[in-house]
C-alpha atoms as a PDB file:
ATOM      1  CA  MET A   1     146.728   3.077 207.492  1.00  0.00           C
ATOM      2  CA  ALA A   2     147.523   1.131 204.369  1.00  0.00           C
ATOM      3  CA  GLU A   3     149.890   2.885 201.993  1.00  0.00           C
ATOM      4  CA  VAL A   4     151.423   1.386 198.890  1.00  0.00           C
ATOM      5  CA  GLN A   5     154.901  -0.047 199.428  1.00  0.00           C
ATOM      6  CA  CYS A   6     154.998   1.070 203.068  1.00  0.00           C
ATOM      7  CA  TRP A   7     154.425  -0.615 206.379  1.00  0.00           C
ATOM      8  CA  ALA A   8     150.900  -0.141 207.660  1.00  0.00           C
ATOM      9  CA  ILE A   9     151.928   1.581 210.892  1.00  0.00           C
ATOM     10  CA  TRP A  10     152.826   5.232 211.215  1.00  0.00           C
ATOM     11  CA  ASP A  11     154.133   7.369 214.061  1.00  0.00           C
ATOM     12  CA  MET A  12     151.946  10.452 213.979  1.00  0.00           C
ATOM     13  CA  ASP A  13     154.035  12.493 216.443  1.00  0.00           C
ATOM     14  CA  GLU A  14     157.103  12.260 214.236  1.00  0.00           C
ATOM     15  CA  PRO A  15     155.582  11.287 210.888  1.00  0.00           C
ATOM     16  CA  ARG A  16     157.472   8.170 209.921  1.00  0.00           C
ATOM     17  CA  ASN A  17     156.717   4.681 208.814  1.00  0.00           C
ATOM     18  CA  ILE A  18     157.246   1.899 211.383  1.00  0.00           C
ATOM     19  CA  ASP A  19     158.123  -1.717 210.706  1.00  0.00           C
ATOM     20  CA  PRO A  20     155.667  -3.730 212.846  1.00  0.00           C
ATOM     21  CA  ALA A  21     158.493  -6.183 213.594  1.00  0.00           C
ATOM     22  CA  ASN A  22     160.074  -3.415 215.688  1.00  0.00           C
ATOM     23  CA  LEU A  23     157.063  -3.205 217.992  1.00  0.00           C
ATOM     24  CA  PRO A  24     156.589  -5.280 221.159  1.00  0.00           C
ATOM     25  CA  ILE A  25     153.762  -7.315 219.639  1.00  0.00           C
ATOM     26  CA  PRO A  26     153.393 -11.044 218.974  1.00  0.00           C
ATOM     27  CA  GLU A  27     154.974 -12.383 215.790  1.00  0.00           C
ATOM     28  CA  TYR A  28     151.599 -13.629 214.527  1.00  0.00           C
ATOM     29  CA  LEU A  29     150.311 -10.039 214.674  1.00  0.00           C
ATOM     30  CA  VAL A  30     153.354  -8.737 212.777  1.00  0.00           C
ATOM     31  CA  THR A  31     152.618 -11.350 210.101  1.00  0.00           C
ATOM     32  CA  LYS A  32     148.913 -10.409 209.958  1.00  0.00           C
ATOM     33  CA  ILE A  33     149.718  -6.692 209.620  1.00  0.00           C
ATOM     34  CA  ASN A  34     152.259  -7.302 206.866  1.00  0.00           C
ATOM     35  CA  HIS A  35     149.911  -9.656 205.018  1.00  0.00           C
ATOM     36  CA  TRP A  36     147.172  -7.022 205.189  1.00  0.00           C
ATOM     37  CA  SER A  37     149.557  -4.376 203.861  1.00  0.00           C
ATOM     38  CA  ASN A  38     150.645  -6.699 201.031  1.00  0.00           C
ATOM     39  CA  ARG A  39     146.996  -7.137 200.041  1.00  0.00           C
ATOM     40  CA  PHE A  40     146.814  -3.365 199.545  1.00  0.00           C
ATOM     41  CA  ASP A  41     150.007  -3.338 197.473  1.00  0.00           C
ATOM     42  CA  ALA A  42     148.520  -6.057 195.269  1.00  0.00           C
ATOM     43  CA  ILE A  43     145.715  -3.803 193.975  1.00  0.00           C
ATOM     44  CA  TYR A  44     148.208  -1.308 192.546  1.00  0.00           C
ATOM     45  CA  LYS A  45     149.561  -1.780 189.040  1.00  0.00           C
ATOM     46  CA  LEU A  46     152.980  -0.421 189.952  1.00  0.00           C
ATOM     47  CA  LYS A  47     154.438  -0.851 186.473  1.00  0.00           C
ATOM     48  CA  GLU A  48     151.753   1.376 184.943  1.00  0.00           C
ATOM     49  CA  PRO A  49     152.446   5.118 184.584  1.00  0.00           C
ATOM     50  CA  ASN A  50     149.285   6.138 186.464  1.00  0.00           C
ATOM     51  CA  PHE A  51     149.455   3.493 189.168  1.00  0.00           C
ATOM     52  CA  GLN A  52     148.348   5.950 191.893  1.00  0.00           C
ATOM     53  CA  SER A  53     145.001   6.526 190.235  1.00  0.00           C
ATOM     54  CA  ASP A  54     144.548   3.157 188.520  1.00  0.00           C
ATOM     55  CA  ILE A  55     143.769   1.110 191.595  1.00  0.00           C
ATOM     56  CA  GLY A  56     140.878  -0.944 192.674  1.00  0.00           C
ATOM     57  CA  PHE A  57     139.728  -3.977 194.478  1.00  0.00           C
ATOM     58  CA  SER A  58     138.137  -6.704 192.385  1.00  0.00           C
ATOM     59  CA  SER A  59     134.776  -6.150 194.091  1.00  0.00           C
ATOM     60  CA  GLU A  60     133.034  -4.041 196.692  1.00  0.00           C
ATOM     61  CA  GLN A  61     132.980  -7.111 198.920  1.00  0.00           C
ATOM     62  CA  GLU A  62     136.787  -7.441 198.677  1.00  0.00           C
ATOM     63  CA  GLU A  63     137.206  -3.740 199.464  1.00  0.00           C
ATOM     64  CA  ASN A  64     134.867  -3.869 202.453  1.00  0.00           C
ATOM     65  CA  GLY A  65     136.595  -7.001 203.723  1.00  0.00           C
ATOM     66  CA  PHE A  66     139.975  -5.341 203.467  1.00  0.00           C
ATOM     67  CA  PHE A  67     138.924  -2.331 205.522  1.00  0.00           C
ATOM     68  CA  ASP A  68     137.038  -4.495 208.023  1.00  0.00           C
ATOM     69  CA  ASP A  69     140.231  -6.501 208.503  1.00  0.00           C
ATOM     70  CA  GLY A  70     142.063  -3.232 209.173  1.00  0.00           C
ATOM     71  CA  TRP A  71     139.628  -2.394 211.974  1.00  0.00           C
ATOM     72  CA  GLY A  72     140.236  -5.875 213.402  1.00  0.00           C
ATOM     73  CA  LEU A  73     143.995  -5.303 213.346  1.00  0.00           C
ATOM     74  CA  LEU A  74     143.462  -2.054 215.218  1.00  0.00           C
ATOM     75  CA  ASP A  75     141.629  -3.956 217.955  1.00  0.00           C
ATOM     76  CA  GLU A  76     144.483  -6.463 218.177  1.00  0.00           C
ATOM     77  CA  LEU A  77     147.090  -3.700 218.372  1.00  0.00           C
ATOM     78  CA  LYS A  78     145.144  -2.018 221.169  1.00  0.00           C
ATOM     79  CA  LYS A  79     145.185  -5.286 223.119  1.00  0.00           C
ATOM     80  CA  ALA A  80     148.875  -5.941 222.450  1.00  0.00           C
ATOM     81  CA  MET A  81     149.977  -2.387 223.329  1.00  0.00           C
ATOM     82  CA  PRO A  82     147.215  -0.918 225.519  1.00  0.00           C
ATOM     83  CA  ASP A  83     149.265   2.087 226.661  1.00  0.00           C
ATOM     84  CA  THR A  84     149.667   3.339 223.095  1.00  0.00           C
ATOM     85  CA  GLU A  85     147.148   5.667 221.480  1.00  0.00           C
ATOM     86  CA  TRP A  86     146.110   3.972 218.233  1.00  0.00           C
ATOM     87  CA  HIS A  87     144.158   5.368 215.281  1.00  0.00           C
ATOM     88  CA  TYR A  88     143.052   3.790 212.023  1.00  0.00           C
ATOM     89  CA  LYS A  89     142.287   5.652 208.829  1.00  0.00           C
ATOM     90  CA  ASP A  90     140.564   4.294 205.766  1.00  0.00           C
ATOM     91  CA  ARG A  91     138.063   5.465 203.218  1.00  0.00           C
ATOM     92  CA  THR A  92     135.206   4.831 205.678  1.00  0.00           C
ATOM     93  CA  ASP A  93     136.669   7.123 208.371  1.00  0.00           C
ATOM     94  CA  GLN A  94     136.590  10.724 207.220  1.00  0.00           C
ATOM     95  CA  ARG A  95     137.861  12.263 210.493  1.00  0.00           C
END
């Protein structure tokens, strides 16, 4: 799950944020996850007083691409760590 100024991986048993570099996954995947997370940070205007509500992708296509990339990262994580139960949450998944 992307969250501003956080790593994109969370432990849901003990809610905490996890640095992907601490996982037994390939370095290229760590880089891809962090790049994806940085893309999310980039849409926030952190110096503005209402930065939590004043967010937005430049287009619907950019937003859809971002979340599609997140689903792709989930697939890669499942392959890299198949014994781990993985979940992905974004605005398209209301579970």
